[in-house]
N, C-alpha and C. Protein backbone atom coordinates (compact mmCIF):
# COMPACT_ATOMS: atom_id res chain seq x y z
N MET A 1 -39.97 14.19 -72.91
CA MET A 1 -41.07 13.68 -73.70
C MET A 1 -42.27 13.42 -72.80
N LYS A 2 -43.42 13.85 -73.25
CA LYS A 2 -44.62 13.65 -72.39
C LYS A 2 -45.29 12.33 -72.65
N GLU A 3 -45.94 11.84 -71.60
CA GLU A 3 -46.64 10.54 -71.60
C GLU A 3 -48.09 10.82 -71.13
N ILE A 4 -49.06 10.38 -71.85
CA ILE A 4 -50.40 10.48 -71.43
C ILE A 4 -50.63 9.39 -70.39
N VAL A 5 -51.25 9.72 -69.25
CA VAL A 5 -51.51 8.79 -68.14
C VAL A 5 -52.99 8.35 -68.40
N ASP A 6 -53.14 7.00 -68.44
CA ASP A 6 -54.50 6.45 -68.53
C ASP A 6 -55.09 6.36 -67.17
N THR A 7 -55.97 7.30 -66.87
CA THR A 7 -56.59 7.34 -65.58
C THR A 7 -57.85 6.45 -65.40
N GLY A 8 -58.34 5.98 -66.53
CA GLY A 8 -59.57 5.11 -66.56
C GLY A 8 -60.79 6.02 -66.53
N LEU A 9 -60.63 7.34 -66.53
CA LEU A 9 -61.78 8.20 -66.64
C LEU A 9 -62.20 8.29 -68.10
N PRO A 10 -63.51 8.48 -68.35
CA PRO A 10 -63.93 8.49 -69.72
C PRO A 10 -63.42 9.72 -70.59
N ALA A 11 -63.25 9.49 -71.82
CA ALA A 11 -62.82 10.52 -72.74
C ALA A 11 -64.01 11.50 -72.87
N LEU A 12 -63.76 12.78 -72.83
CA LEU A 12 -64.90 13.78 -73.01
C LEU A 12 -64.71 14.40 -74.36
N LYS A 13 -65.68 15.25 -74.78
CA LYS A 13 -65.66 15.80 -76.11
C LYS A 13 -64.55 16.95 -76.24
N GLN A 14 -64.03 17.38 -75.16
CA GLN A 14 -63.09 18.50 -75.22
C GLN A 14 -61.63 17.93 -75.56
N PRO A 15 -60.78 18.65 -76.19
CA PRO A 15 -59.44 18.14 -76.54
C PRO A 15 -58.46 18.28 -75.39
N PHE A 16 -58.44 17.36 -74.52
CA PHE A 16 -57.46 17.44 -73.40
C PHE A 16 -57.24 15.97 -72.92
N SER A 17 -56.17 15.80 -72.08
CA SER A 17 -55.89 14.56 -71.45
C SER A 17 -56.11 14.77 -69.95
N TRP A 18 -56.61 13.78 -69.22
CA TRP A 18 -56.84 13.89 -67.78
C TRP A 18 -55.55 14.07 -67.08
N ALA A 19 -54.48 13.44 -67.45
CA ALA A 19 -53.17 13.63 -66.82
C ALA A 19 -52.04 13.41 -67.87
N VAL A 20 -51.02 14.18 -67.68
CA VAL A 20 -49.84 14.04 -68.53
C VAL A 20 -48.62 14.01 -67.55
N LYS A 21 -47.73 13.12 -67.93
CA LYS A 21 -46.50 12.95 -67.13
C LYS A 21 -45.33 13.35 -68.07
N ALA A 22 -44.44 14.16 -67.49
CA ALA A 22 -43.21 14.54 -68.25
C ALA A 22 -42.10 14.84 -67.24
N CYS A 23 -40.97 14.08 -67.44
CA CYS A 23 -39.81 14.31 -66.65
C CYS A 23 -40.04 14.21 -65.15
N GLY A 24 -40.95 13.26 -64.75
CA GLY A 24 -41.22 13.03 -63.42
C GLY A 24 -42.30 14.00 -62.81
N LEU A 25 -42.75 14.90 -63.63
CA LEU A 25 -43.84 15.82 -63.20
C LEU A 25 -45.19 15.29 -63.74
N VAL A 26 -46.24 15.50 -62.95
CA VAL A 26 -47.57 15.09 -63.39
C VAL A 26 -48.40 16.41 -63.39
N PHE A 27 -49.08 16.60 -64.53
CA PHE A 27 -49.97 17.79 -64.73
C PHE A 27 -51.34 17.20 -64.84
N THR A 28 -52.29 17.67 -64.10
CA THR A 28 -53.63 17.04 -64.16
C THR A 28 -54.70 18.06 -63.72
N ALA A 29 -55.87 17.92 -64.24
CA ALA A 29 -56.98 18.78 -63.90
C ALA A 29 -58.27 17.90 -63.69
N HIS A 30 -59.13 18.26 -62.71
CA HIS A 30 -60.29 17.40 -62.47
C HIS A 30 -61.49 18.20 -61.97
N GLY A 31 -62.54 17.62 -62.20
CA GLY A 31 -63.86 18.12 -61.64
C GLY A 31 -64.66 16.93 -61.16
N PRO A 32 -65.94 17.21 -60.88
CA PRO A 32 -66.76 16.07 -60.35
C PRO A 32 -67.33 15.23 -61.48
N VAL A 33 -66.41 14.51 -62.12
CA VAL A 33 -66.79 13.68 -63.28
C VAL A 33 -67.01 12.23 -62.78
N LEU A 34 -68.15 11.70 -63.08
CA LEU A 34 -68.51 10.35 -62.72
C LEU A 34 -67.88 9.38 -63.72
N GLY A 35 -67.85 8.08 -63.40
CA GLY A 35 -67.20 7.12 -64.28
C GLY A 35 -67.82 6.94 -65.61
N ASP A 36 -69.09 7.41 -65.77
CA ASP A 36 -69.76 7.27 -67.03
C ASP A 36 -69.68 8.62 -67.85
N GLY A 37 -68.88 9.59 -67.29
CA GLY A 37 -68.76 10.80 -67.97
C GLY A 37 -69.78 11.92 -67.55
N ARG A 38 -70.80 11.57 -66.82
CA ARG A 38 -71.69 12.59 -66.34
C ARG A 38 -71.05 13.45 -65.28
N ILE A 39 -71.51 14.68 -65.10
CA ILE A 39 -71.02 15.55 -64.07
C ILE A 39 -71.94 15.64 -62.90
N ASP A 40 -71.38 15.43 -61.73
CA ASP A 40 -72.17 15.59 -60.42
C ASP A 40 -72.44 17.05 -60.24
N THR A 41 -73.70 17.41 -60.22
CA THR A 41 -74.04 18.85 -59.98
C THR A 41 -74.80 18.92 -58.63
N GLY A 42 -74.57 18.01 -57.73
CA GLY A 42 -75.23 18.00 -56.47
C GLY A 42 -74.58 18.88 -55.43
N LEU A 43 -74.54 18.42 -54.18
CA LEU A 43 -73.99 19.17 -53.07
C LEU A 43 -72.48 19.38 -53.29
N ILE A 44 -72.00 20.52 -52.80
CA ILE A 44 -70.54 20.83 -52.98
C ILE A 44 -69.69 19.82 -52.29
N GLU A 45 -70.07 19.26 -51.15
CA GLU A 45 -69.29 18.21 -50.48
C GLU A 45 -69.09 17.00 -51.41
N ASP A 46 -70.18 16.60 -52.06
CA ASP A 46 -70.15 15.42 -52.98
C ASP A 46 -69.28 15.70 -54.19
N GLN A 47 -69.43 16.95 -54.72
CA GLN A 47 -68.65 17.30 -55.93
C GLN A 47 -67.14 17.34 -55.51
N ALA A 48 -66.85 17.94 -54.39
CA ALA A 48 -65.44 18.09 -53.95
C ALA A 48 -64.86 16.68 -53.69
N ARG A 49 -65.60 15.78 -53.04
CA ARG A 49 -65.13 14.42 -52.75
C ARG A 49 -64.82 13.66 -54.06
N LEU A 50 -65.72 13.77 -55.02
CA LEU A 50 -65.50 13.10 -56.33
C LEU A 50 -64.36 13.71 -57.11
N THR A 51 -64.17 15.05 -57.01
CA THR A 51 -63.08 15.72 -57.67
C THR A 51 -61.74 15.29 -57.08
N PHE A 52 -61.59 15.24 -55.75
CA PHE A 52 -60.37 14.82 -55.19
C PHE A 52 -60.08 13.31 -55.35
N ALA A 53 -61.20 12.54 -55.38
CA ALA A 53 -61.04 11.10 -55.62
C ALA A 53 -60.55 10.86 -57.08
N ASN A 54 -60.96 11.74 -58.00
CA ASN A 54 -60.47 11.65 -59.43
C ASN A 54 -59.01 12.05 -59.43
N LEU A 55 -58.56 13.01 -58.68
CA LEU A 55 -57.20 13.36 -58.58
C LEU A 55 -56.36 12.24 -58.01
N ARG A 56 -56.84 11.61 -56.96
CA ARG A 56 -56.15 10.47 -56.35
C ARG A 56 -55.98 9.32 -57.46
N ARG A 57 -57.05 9.09 -58.14
CA ARG A 57 -57.02 8.06 -59.19
C ARG A 57 -55.98 8.39 -60.27
N ALA A 58 -55.92 9.64 -60.65
CA ALA A 58 -54.90 10.12 -61.68
C ALA A 58 -53.51 9.91 -61.10
N MET A 59 -53.31 10.32 -59.87
CA MET A 59 -52.02 10.19 -59.26
C MET A 59 -51.53 8.70 -59.15
N GLN A 60 -52.44 7.88 -58.79
CA GLN A 60 -52.08 6.46 -58.72
C GLN A 60 -51.77 5.86 -60.11
N ALA A 61 -52.50 6.29 -61.10
CA ALA A 61 -52.24 5.80 -62.45
C ALA A 61 -50.91 6.30 -62.98
N ALA A 62 -50.45 7.47 -62.47
CA ALA A 62 -49.18 8.05 -62.86
C ALA A 62 -48.01 7.45 -62.05
N GLY A 63 -48.30 6.52 -61.12
CA GLY A 63 -47.26 5.92 -60.32
C GLY A 63 -46.95 6.68 -59.06
N GLY A 64 -47.86 7.52 -58.62
CA GLY A 64 -47.63 8.25 -57.35
C GLY A 64 -48.88 8.18 -56.46
N ASP A 65 -48.98 9.12 -55.57
CA ASP A 65 -50.16 9.22 -54.66
C ASP A 65 -50.33 10.70 -54.33
N LEU A 66 -51.37 11.01 -53.49
CA LEU A 66 -51.64 12.38 -53.20
C LEU A 66 -50.52 13.08 -52.39
N CYS A 67 -49.66 12.28 -51.70
CA CYS A 67 -48.53 12.86 -51.02
C CYS A 67 -47.44 13.41 -51.99
N ASP A 68 -47.58 13.08 -53.25
CA ASP A 68 -46.68 13.62 -54.21
C ASP A 68 -47.12 14.93 -54.87
N VAL A 69 -48.33 15.33 -54.53
CA VAL A 69 -48.91 16.56 -55.13
C VAL A 69 -48.20 17.76 -54.50
N ALA A 70 -47.68 18.66 -55.29
CA ALA A 70 -46.95 19.83 -54.83
C ALA A 70 -47.81 21.07 -54.78
N GLN A 71 -48.75 21.16 -55.72
CA GLN A 71 -49.56 22.38 -55.80
C GLN A 71 -50.99 21.97 -56.28
N VAL A 72 -51.96 22.69 -55.69
CA VAL A 72 -53.45 22.47 -56.05
C VAL A 72 -53.96 23.89 -56.25
N LEU A 73 -54.61 24.01 -57.43
CA LEU A 73 -55.40 25.22 -57.72
C LEU A 73 -56.82 24.86 -57.69
N ILE A 74 -57.69 25.52 -56.89
CA ILE A 74 -59.10 25.25 -56.73
C ILE A 74 -59.89 26.41 -57.28
N TYR A 75 -60.78 26.07 -58.19
CA TYR A 75 -61.73 27.07 -58.75
C TYR A 75 -63.15 26.71 -58.24
N LEU A 76 -63.76 27.71 -57.64
CA LEU A 76 -65.12 27.60 -57.00
C LEU A 76 -66.04 28.67 -57.65
N THR A 77 -67.24 28.18 -57.91
CA THR A 77 -68.24 29.15 -58.44
C THR A 77 -68.94 29.91 -57.30
N ASP A 78 -68.73 29.46 -56.08
CA ASP A 78 -69.25 30.14 -54.89
C ASP A 78 -68.19 30.07 -53.80
N ILE A 79 -67.55 31.18 -53.55
CA ILE A 79 -66.48 31.23 -52.57
C ILE A 79 -67.02 30.84 -51.19
N GLY A 80 -68.31 30.98 -51.02
CA GLY A 80 -68.93 30.54 -49.75
C GLY A 80 -68.81 29.01 -49.50
N ASP A 81 -68.44 28.28 -50.49
CA ASP A 81 -68.23 26.87 -50.39
C ASP A 81 -66.88 26.50 -49.77
N MET A 82 -66.02 27.49 -49.53
CA MET A 82 -64.59 27.24 -49.14
C MET A 82 -64.58 26.37 -47.91
N ALA A 83 -65.36 26.62 -46.85
CA ALA A 83 -65.27 25.88 -45.62
C ALA A 83 -65.62 24.35 -45.89
N ALA A 84 -66.64 24.05 -46.74
CA ALA A 84 -66.97 22.71 -47.02
C ALA A 84 -65.88 22.03 -47.80
N VAL A 85 -65.29 22.78 -48.79
CA VAL A 85 -64.22 22.19 -49.56
C VAL A 85 -62.96 21.95 -48.70
N ASP A 86 -62.70 22.86 -47.83
CA ASP A 86 -61.54 22.65 -46.85
C ASP A 86 -61.72 21.38 -46.05
N ALA A 87 -63.00 21.13 -45.60
CA ALA A 87 -63.27 19.89 -44.77
C ALA A 87 -62.99 18.64 -45.62
N VAL A 88 -63.41 18.65 -46.89
CA VAL A 88 -63.21 17.49 -47.78
C VAL A 88 -61.77 17.38 -48.08
N TYR A 89 -61.08 18.51 -48.37
CA TYR A 89 -59.61 18.54 -48.68
C TYR A 89 -58.86 17.81 -47.59
N ARG A 90 -59.20 18.04 -46.32
CA ARG A 90 -58.53 17.36 -45.23
C ARG A 90 -58.74 15.87 -45.26
N GLU A 91 -59.77 15.39 -45.88
CA GLU A 91 -59.97 13.91 -46.00
C GLU A 91 -58.97 13.30 -46.95
N PHE A 92 -58.39 14.08 -47.88
CA PHE A 92 -57.56 13.56 -48.91
C PHE A 92 -56.08 13.97 -48.66
N PHE A 93 -55.83 15.10 -48.01
CA PHE A 93 -54.42 15.53 -47.84
C PHE A 93 -54.21 15.73 -46.33
N GLU A 94 -52.90 15.55 -45.96
CA GLU A 94 -52.51 15.77 -44.57
C GLU A 94 -51.22 16.61 -44.63
N ALA A 95 -50.89 17.17 -43.50
CA ALA A 95 -49.68 18.03 -43.41
C ALA A 95 -48.46 17.17 -43.65
N PRO A 96 -47.46 17.65 -44.35
CA PRO A 96 -47.44 18.96 -44.91
C PRO A 96 -48.26 19.06 -46.17
N TYR A 97 -49.17 20.05 -46.24
CA TYR A 97 -50.09 20.18 -47.31
C TYR A 97 -49.43 20.74 -48.58
N PRO A 98 -49.99 20.40 -49.77
CA PRO A 98 -49.41 21.07 -51.00
C PRO A 98 -49.64 22.55 -50.95
N ASN A 99 -48.86 23.26 -51.69
CA ASN A 99 -49.12 24.69 -51.91
C ASN A 99 -50.48 24.78 -52.53
N ARG A 100 -51.22 25.85 -52.24
CA ARG A 100 -52.56 25.93 -52.76
C ARG A 100 -53.04 27.29 -52.96
N SER A 101 -53.88 27.46 -54.01
CA SER A 101 -54.56 28.70 -54.31
C SER A 101 -56.00 28.37 -54.66
N SER A 102 -56.93 29.25 -54.11
CA SER A 102 -58.31 29.00 -54.33
C SER A 102 -58.86 30.36 -54.97
N VAL A 103 -59.71 30.19 -55.99
CA VAL A 103 -60.20 31.30 -56.78
C VAL A 103 -61.67 31.18 -57.02
N GLY A 104 -62.35 32.24 -56.80
CA GLY A 104 -63.74 32.31 -57.11
C GLY A 104 -63.97 32.66 -58.58
N VAL A 105 -64.76 31.93 -59.33
CA VAL A 105 -65.01 32.15 -60.76
C VAL A 105 -66.51 32.32 -60.97
N THR A 106 -66.88 32.90 -62.10
CA THR A 106 -68.28 33.13 -62.42
C THR A 106 -68.98 31.81 -62.82
N ALA A 107 -68.30 30.97 -63.58
CA ALA A 107 -68.91 29.74 -64.09
C ALA A 107 -67.83 28.73 -64.44
N LEU A 108 -68.18 27.48 -64.57
CA LEU A 108 -67.33 26.43 -65.02
C LEU A 108 -68.02 25.87 -66.31
N ALA A 109 -67.36 24.86 -66.92
CA ALA A 109 -67.77 24.30 -68.20
C ALA A 109 -69.23 23.75 -68.22
N VAL A 110 -69.65 23.17 -67.15
CA VAL A 110 -70.98 22.56 -67.11
C VAL A 110 -71.88 23.29 -66.05
N PRO A 111 -73.05 23.78 -66.38
CA PRO A 111 -73.94 24.39 -65.42
C PRO A 111 -74.15 23.52 -64.24
N GLY A 112 -74.00 24.03 -63.01
CA GLY A 112 -74.21 23.26 -61.80
C GLY A 112 -72.88 22.70 -61.24
N MET A 113 -71.79 22.70 -62.10
CA MET A 113 -70.54 22.23 -61.65
C MET A 113 -69.97 23.40 -60.78
N ARG A 114 -69.56 23.09 -59.53
CA ARG A 114 -69.18 24.12 -58.54
C ARG A 114 -67.71 24.10 -58.24
N ILE A 115 -66.98 23.07 -58.67
CA ILE A 115 -65.55 22.99 -58.35
C ILE A 115 -64.82 22.38 -59.52
N GLU A 116 -63.59 22.91 -59.70
CA GLU A 116 -62.64 22.31 -60.63
C GLU A 116 -61.28 22.53 -60.05
N ILE A 117 -60.39 21.59 -60.23
CA ILE A 117 -59.01 21.73 -59.70
C ILE A 117 -58.00 21.46 -60.73
N VAL A 118 -56.81 22.09 -60.52
CA VAL A 118 -55.61 21.76 -61.31
C VAL A 118 -54.62 21.34 -60.29
N ALA A 119 -53.83 20.30 -60.63
CA ALA A 119 -52.78 19.91 -59.60
C ALA A 119 -51.48 19.58 -60.38
N TYR A 120 -50.35 19.86 -59.67
CA TYR A 120 -49.03 19.52 -60.19
C TYR A 120 -48.40 18.69 -59.17
N ALA A 121 -47.66 17.62 -59.62
CA ALA A 121 -47.08 16.64 -58.70
C ALA A 121 -45.68 16.24 -59.23
N VAL A 122 -44.94 15.70 -58.37
CA VAL A 122 -43.61 15.07 -58.74
C VAL A 122 -43.65 13.60 -58.31
N VAL A 123 -43.34 12.76 -59.29
CA VAL A 123 -43.31 11.29 -59.04
C VAL A 123 -41.98 10.80 -59.55
N ALA A 124 -41.61 9.63 -59.01
CA ALA A 124 -40.36 9.03 -59.42
C ALA A 124 -40.50 8.58 -60.88
N PRO A 125 -39.47 8.81 -61.66
CA PRO A 125 -39.53 8.41 -63.10
C PRO A 125 -39.68 6.86 -63.21
N THR A 126 -40.49 6.39 -64.18
CA THR A 126 -40.60 5.00 -64.37
C THR A 126 -39.39 4.49 -65.18
N ALA A 127 -38.99 3.28 -64.87
CA ALA A 127 -37.79 2.68 -65.55
C ALA A 127 -38.15 2.27 -66.89
């Protein structure tokens, strides 16, 4: 049975949940969403830092942490941003790193949004 995880992030107009937990697995997707629902469209470093901070927030709300993340999928509108994103990624993750795939895409949901991630994690079941 799935459980919606309350991440504290604002509800958006799209039909999705920020994080879902099922059988000890966490399924979550994030972008550079500010606490008031606005999207950060500034520097890629700032967007990446906010995106990974939102992931950390979701993992903590699900009863885990970033060390529980098993896979990260990164979507970038400019593959040239990879080095900057890698530097920010190292601020949030340490070895052994999650499995990861990075993909260049033409656009994301909001103009100026340069990064979006999907993450899968395993956390201990709640009693």
